[in-house]
C-alpha atoms as a PDB file:
ATOM      1  CA  MET A   1     -20.497  -7.951  -5.077  1.00  0.00           C
ATOM      2  CA  VAL A   2     -18.074  -5.324  -6.374  1.00  0.00           C
ATOM      3  CA  SER A   3     -15.058  -4.576  -4.206  1.00  0.00           C
ATOM      4  CA  VAL A   4     -12.828  -1.660  -5.039  1.00  0.00           C
ATOM      5  CA  SER A   5     -10.405  -2.831  -2.336  1.00  0.00           C
ATOM      6  CA  GLY A   6     -10.272  -6.327  -3.763  1.00  0.00           C
ATOM      7  CA  ASP A   7      -9.817  -5.079  -7.314  1.00  0.00           C
ATOM      8  CA  ARG A   8      -7.010  -2.735  -6.298  1.00  0.00           C
ATOM      9  CA  ILE A   9      -5.236  -5.366  -4.200  1.00  0.00           C
ATOM     10  CA  LYS A  10      -5.405  -7.777  -7.131  1.00  0.00           C
ATOM     11  CA  LEU A  11      -4.059  -5.103  -9.487  1.00  0.00           C
ATOM     12  CA  LEU A  12      -1.160  -4.273  -7.162  1.00  0.00           C
ATOM     13  CA  ARG A  13      -0.392  -7.962  -6.598  1.00  0.00           C
ATOM     14  CA  GLU A  14      -0.333  -8.655 -10.330  1.00  0.00           C
ATOM     15  CA  GLU A  15       1.835  -5.586 -10.991  1.00  0.00           C
ATOM     16  CA  ARG A  16       4.414  -7.122  -8.644  1.00  0.00           C
ATOM     17  CA  GLY A  17       4.131 -10.491 -10.361  1.00  0.00           C
ATOM     18  CA  LEU A  18       2.914 -12.259  -7.233  1.00  0.00           C
ATOM     19  CA  SER A  19       0.463 -15.123  -7.030  1.00  0.00           C
ATOM     20  CA  GLN A  20      -2.227 -15.025  -4.368  1.00  0.00           C
ATOM     21  CA  LEU A  21      -0.341 -17.683  -2.418  1.00  0.00           C
ATOM     22  CA  GLU A  22       2.928 -15.725  -2.574  1.00  0.00           C
ATOM     23  CA  LEU A  23       1.278 -12.522  -1.375  1.00  0.00           C
ATOM     24  CA  ALA A  24      -0.628 -14.300   1.376  1.00  0.00           C
ATOM     25  CA  GLU A  25       2.589 -15.888   2.655  1.00  0.00           C
ATOM     26  CA  ARG A  26       4.518 -12.618   2.515  1.00  0.00           C
ATOM     27  CA  ILE A  27       1.957 -10.652   4.507  1.00  0.00           C
ATOM     28  CA  GLY A  28       0.952 -13.478   6.815  1.00  0.00           C
ATOM     29  CA  ILE A  29      -2.689 -14.084   5.969  1.00  0.00           C
ATOM     30  CA  ASN A  30      -4.535 -17.183   4.818  1.00  0.00           C
ATOM     31  CA  ASN A  31      -4.655 -17.603   1.039  1.00  0.00           C
ATOM     32  CA  SER A  32      -8.397 -18.258   1.100  1.00  0.00           C
ATOM     33  CA  VAL A  33      -8.933 -14.963   2.954  1.00  0.00           C
ATOM     34  CA  LEU A  34      -6.956 -13.126   0.260  1.00  0.00           C
ATOM     35  CA  SER A  35      -8.937 -14.873  -2.462  1.00  0.00           C
ATOM     36  CA  ARG A  36     -12.249 -13.847  -0.893  1.00  0.00           C
ATOM     37  CA  ILE A  37     -11.064 -10.243  -0.415  1.00  0.00           C
ATOM     38  CA  GLU A  38      -9.941  -9.979  -4.040  1.00  0.00           C
ATOM     39  CA  SER A  39     -13.193 -11.481  -5.337  1.00  0.00           C
ATOM     40  CA  GLY A  40     -15.316  -9.176  -3.173  1.00  0.00           C
ATOM     41  CA  LYS A  41     -16.803 -12.051  -1.184  1.00  0.00           C
ATOM     42  CA  ARG A  42     -15.278 -10.751   2.045  1.00  0.00           C
ATOM     43  CA  ALA A  43     -14.799  -7.206   3.289  1.00  0.00           C
ATOM     44  CA  ILE A  44     -11.309  -6.108   4.209  1.00  0.00           C
ATOM     45  CA  GLU A  45     -10.741  -5.535   7.931  1.00  0.00           C
ATOM     46  CA  ASP A  46      -8.969  -2.440   9.265  1.00  0.00           C
ATOM     47  CA  LYS A  47      -5.828  -4.316  10.326  1.00  0.00           C
ATOM     48  CA  GLU A  48      -5.663  -6.027   6.919  1.00  0.00           C
ATOM     49  CA  LEU A  49      -6.081  -2.696   5.166  1.00  0.00           C
ATOM     50  CA  ASN A  50      -3.028  -1.395   7.016  1.00  0.00           C
ATOM     51  CA  VAL A  51      -0.999  -4.497   6.149  1.00  0.00           C
ATOM     52  CA  PHE A  52      -1.844  -4.213   2.445  1.00  0.00           C
ATOM     53  CA  ALA A  53      -1.213  -0.459   2.399  1.00  0.00           C
ATOM     54  CA  ASP A  54       2.194  -0.908   4.049  1.00  0.00           C
ATOM     55  CA  PHE A  55       3.173  -3.820   1.822  1.00  0.00           C
ATOM     56  CA  PHE A  56       2.233  -2.060  -1.411  1.00  0.00           C
ATOM     57  CA  GLU A  57       3.293   1.381  -0.140  1.00  0.00           C
ATOM     58  CA  VAL A  58      -0.058   2.930  -0.988  1.00  0.00           C
ATOM     59  CA  SER A  59      -2.639   4.792   1.056  1.00  0.00           C
ATOM     60  CA  GLY A  60      -5.572   3.124   2.713  1.00  0.00           C
ATOM     61  CA  ASP A  61      -7.762   5.638   0.902  1.00  0.00           C
ATOM     62  CA  TYR A  62      -6.430   4.347  -2.423  1.00  0.00           C
ATOM     63  CA  LEU A  63      -7.265   0.756  -1.452  1.00  0.00           C
ATOM     64  CA  LEU A  64     -10.752   1.790  -0.327  1.00  0.00           C
ATOM     65  CA  GLY A  65     -11.393   3.659  -3.578  1.00  0.00           C
ATOM     66  CA  ARG A  66     -11.538   7.041  -1.844  1.00  0.00           C
ATOM     67  CA  SER A  67      -8.515   8.365  -3.748  1.00  0.00           C
ATOM     68  CA  ILE A  68      -6.987   7.817  -7.155  1.00  0.00           C
ATOM     69  CA  SER A  69      -3.562   8.682  -5.744  1.00  0.00           C
ATOM     70  CA  ARG A  70      -1.589   5.665  -4.630  1.00  0.00           C
ATOM     71  CA  SER A  71       0.738   7.767  -2.517  1.00  0.00           C
ATOM     72  CA  PRO A  72       0.369   7.256   1.243  1.00  0.00           C
ATOM     73  CA  SER A  73       0.576  11.031   1.605  1.00  0.00           C
ATOM     74  CA  GLY A  74      -1.851  11.690  -1.239  1.00  0.00           C
ATOM     75  CA  GLY A  75       0.938  13.226  -3.289  1.00  0.00           C
ATOM     76  CA  HIS A  76       3.237  15.548  -1.442  1.00  0.00           C
ATOM     77  CA  ALA A  77       3.305  15.518   2.350  1.00  0.00           C
ATOM     78  CA  TYR A  78       3.673  19.256   2.623  1.00  0.00           C
ATOM     79  CA  MET A  79       1.937  21.596   5.003  1.00  0.00           C
ATOM     80  CA  ASN A  80      -0.483  23.950   3.253  1.00  0.00           C
ATOM     81  CA  GLY A  81      -0.377  21.721   0.187  1.00  0.00           C
ATOM     82  CA  GLY A  82       3.216  22.799  -0.422  1.00  0.00           C
ATOM     83  CA  LYS A  83       2.215  26.358  -1.274  1.00  0.00           C
ATOM     84  CA  ASP A  84       4.952  27.829   0.897  1.00  0.00           C
ATOM     85  CA  TRP A  85       7.650  25.313  -0.096  1.00  0.00           C
ATOM     86  CA  THR A  86      10.355  25.880  -2.668  1.00  0.00           C
ATOM     87  CA  GLU A  87      10.921  23.267  -5.354  1.00  0.00           C
ATOM     88  CA  GLU A  88      14.196  22.354  -3.641  1.00  0.00           C
ATOM     89  CA  GLU A  89      12.399  21.795  -0.323  1.00  0.00           C
ATOM     90  CA  LYS A  90       9.840  19.581  -2.054  1.00  0.00           C
ATOM     91  CA  GLU A  91      12.601  17.534  -3.708  1.00  0.00           C
ATOM     92  CA  VAL A  92      14.392  17.066  -0.380  1.00  0.00           C
ATOM     93  CA  ALA A  93      11.136  16.068   1.346  1.00  0.00           C
ATOM     94  CA  ASP A  94      10.304  13.616  -1.448  1.00  0.00           C
ATOM     95  CA  ALA A  95      13.792  12.081  -1.219  1.00  0.00           C
ATOM     96  CA  ALA A  96      13.426  11.693   2.546  1.00  0.00           C
ATOM     97  CA  ILE A  97      10.028  10.045   2.148  1.00  0.00           C
ATOM     98  CA  GLN A  98      11.380   7.638  -0.470  1.00  0.00           C
ATOM     99  CA  ALA A  99      14.357   6.753   1.757  1.00  0.00           C
ATOM    100  CA  TRP A 100      12.005   6.100   4.659  1.00  0.00           C
ATOM    101  CA  ARG A 101       9.782   3.859   2.501  1.00  0.00           C
ATOM    102  CA  GLU A 102      12.818   1.881   1.342  1.00  0.00           C
ATOM    103  CA  MET A 103      13.989   1.459   4.942  1.00  0.00           C
ATOM    104  CA  LYS A 104      10.516   0.193   5.954  1.00  0.00           C
ATOM    105  CA  ARG A 105      10.452  -2.216   3.001  1.00  0.00           C
ATOM    106  CA  LYS A 106      13.824  -3.659   4.014  1.00  0.00           C
ATOM    107  CA  GLN A 107      12.656  -3.996   7.631  1.00  0.00           C
ATOM    108  CA  ARG A 108       9.572  -5.928   6.502  1.00  0.00           C
ATOM    109  CA  GLU A 109      11.696  -8.234   4.361  1.00  0.00           C
ATOM    110  CA  LYS A 110      14.104  -8.842   7.221  1.00  0.00           C
ATOM    111  CA  GLU A 111      11.219  -9.600   9.607  1.00  0.00           C
ATOM    112  CA  GLN A 112       9.705 -12.032   7.137  1.00  0.00           C
ATOM    113  CA  LYS A 113      12.981 -13.915   6.770  1.00  0.00           C
ATOM    114  CA  GLY A 114      13.814 -13.897  10.487  1.00  0.00           C
END
Protein backbone atom coordinates (compact mmCIF):
# COMPACT_ATOMS: atom_id res chain seq x y z
CA MET A 1 0.00 0.00 0.00
CA VAL A 2 1.42 3.38 -1.00
CA SER A 3 1.03 6.20 1.50
CA VAL A 4 1.89 9.73 0.49
CA SER A 5 1.39 10.80 4.12
CA GLY A 6 3.73 8.12 5.39
CA ASP A 7 6.36 8.90 2.77
CA ARG A 8 6.25 12.61 3.53
CA ILE A 9 6.37 12.10 7.30
CA LYS A 10 9.39 9.84 6.87
CA LEU A 11 11.07 12.41 4.61
CA LEU A 12 10.47 15.23 7.10
CA ARG A 13 11.63 13.08 10.02
CA GLU A 14 14.83 12.13 8.22
CA GLU A 15 15.47 15.75 7.20
CA ARG A 16 15.46 16.61 10.91
CA GLY A 17 17.77 13.72 11.71
CA LEU A 18 15.25 12.00 13.96
CA SER A 19 14.75 8.29 14.43
CA GLN A 20 11.22 6.92 14.51
CA LEU A 21 11.53 6.45 18.26
CA GLU A 22 12.71 10.03 18.80
CA LEU A 23 9.86 11.47 16.74
CA ALA A 24 7.28 9.24 18.40
CA GLU A 25 8.45 10.35 21.84
CA ARG A 26 8.49 14.03 20.89
CA ILE A 27 4.95 14.04 19.53
CA GLY A 28 3.53 11.58 22.03
CA ILE A 29 2.51 8.62 19.90
CA ASN A 30 3.47 4.96 20.03
CA ASN A 31 6.54 4.09 17.95
CA SER A 32 4.76 1.15 16.33
CA VAL A 33 1.94 3.47 15.22
CA LEU A 34 4.49 5.79 13.60
CA SER A 35 6.19 2.84 11.92
CA ARG A 36 2.90 1.61 10.46
CA ILE A 37 1.95 5.12 9.27
CA GLU A 38 5.32 5.60 7.55
CA SER A 39 5.15 2.18 5.89
CA GLY A 40 1.58 2.76 4.68
CA LYS A 41 0.18 -0.10 6.75
CA ARG A 42 -2.01 2.28 8.75
CA ALA A 43 -3.90 5.37 7.68
CA ILE A 44 -3.18 8.61 9.48
CA GLU A 45 -6.01 9.88 11.68
CA ASP A 46 -7.16 13.51 11.63
CA LYS A 47 -5.76 14.33 15.07
CA GLU A 48 -2.42 12.74 14.12
CA LEU A 49 -2.34 14.71 10.89
CA ASN A 50 -2.65 17.92 12.89
CA VAL A 51 0.10 16.86 15.30
CA PHE A 52 2.50 16.04 12.45
CA ALA A 53 1.64 19.23 10.56
CA ASP A 54 2.24 21.36 13.66
CA PHE A 55 5.46 19.56 14.57
CA PHE A 56 6.96 19.84 11.09
CA GLU A 57 5.37 23.24 10.40
CA VAL A 58 3.80 22.07 7.17
CA SER A 59 0.24 22.00 5.89
CA GLY A 60 -2.04 19.04 6.27
CA ASP A 61 -2.57 19.23 2.52
CA TYR A 62 1.17 18.73 2.01
CA LEU A 63 1.14 15.64 4.25
CA LEU A 64 -1.89 14.25 2.42
CA GLY A 65 -0.27 14.79 -0.97
CA ARG A 66 -2.82 17.42 -2.00
CA SER A 67 -0.18 20.16 -2.28
CA ILE A 68 3.48 20.33 -3.17
CA SER A 69 3.86 23.41 -0.97
CA ARG A 70 4.99 22.62 2.54
CA SER A 71 3.84 25.98 3.84
CA PRO A 72 0.84 25.84 6.19
CA SER A 73 -0.57 28.81 4.31
CA GLY A 74 0.20 27.34 0.89
CA GLY A 75 2.77 30.06 0.28
CA HIS A 76 1.74 33.53 1.27
CA ALA A 77 -1.21 34.03 3.60
CA TYR A 78 -2.46 37.07 1.77
CA MET A 79 -6.01 37.96 0.88
CA ASN A 80 -6.65 37.88 -2.87
CA GLY A 81 -3.44 35.92 -3.34
CA GLY A 82 -1.45 39.01 -2.39
CA LYS A 83 -2.46 40.87 -5.54
CA ASP A 84 -3.24 44.04 -3.61
CA TRP A 85 -0.23 43.84 -1.26
CA THR A 86 3.02 45.72 -1.67
CA GLU A 87 6.29 43.82 -1.44
CA GLU A 88 6.93 45.52 1.91
CA GLU A 89 3.56 44.34 3.25
CA LYS A 90 4.32 40.80 2.12
CA GLU A 91 7.73 40.89 3.83
CA VAL A 92 6.18 42.15 7.08
CA ALA A 93 3.46 39.48 6.93
CA ASP A 94 6.04 36.76 6.24
CA ALA A 95 8.17 37.96 9.18
CA ALA A 96 5.13 37.91 11.46
CA ILE A 97 4.22 34.39 10.35
CA GLN A 98 7.78 33.17 10.92
CA ALA A 99 7.85 34.77 14.40
CA TRP A 100 4.55 33.10 15.24
CA ARG A 101 5.84 29.70 14.06
CA GLU A 102 8.98 30.09 16.17
CA MET A 103 6.88 31.01 19.22
CA LYS A 104 4.69 27.91 18.68
CA ARG A 105 7.78 25.71 18.29
CA LYS A 106 9.20 27.00 21.58
CA GLN A 107 5.85 26.43 23.31
CA ARG A 108 5.77 22.82 22.09
CA GLU A 109 9.32 22.25 23.32
CA LYS A 110 8.51 23.75 26.70
CA GLU A 111 5.37 21.59 27.01
CA GLN A 112 7.34 18.47 26.13
CA LYS A 113 9.94 19.20 28.80
CA GLY A 114 7.43 20.23 31.47
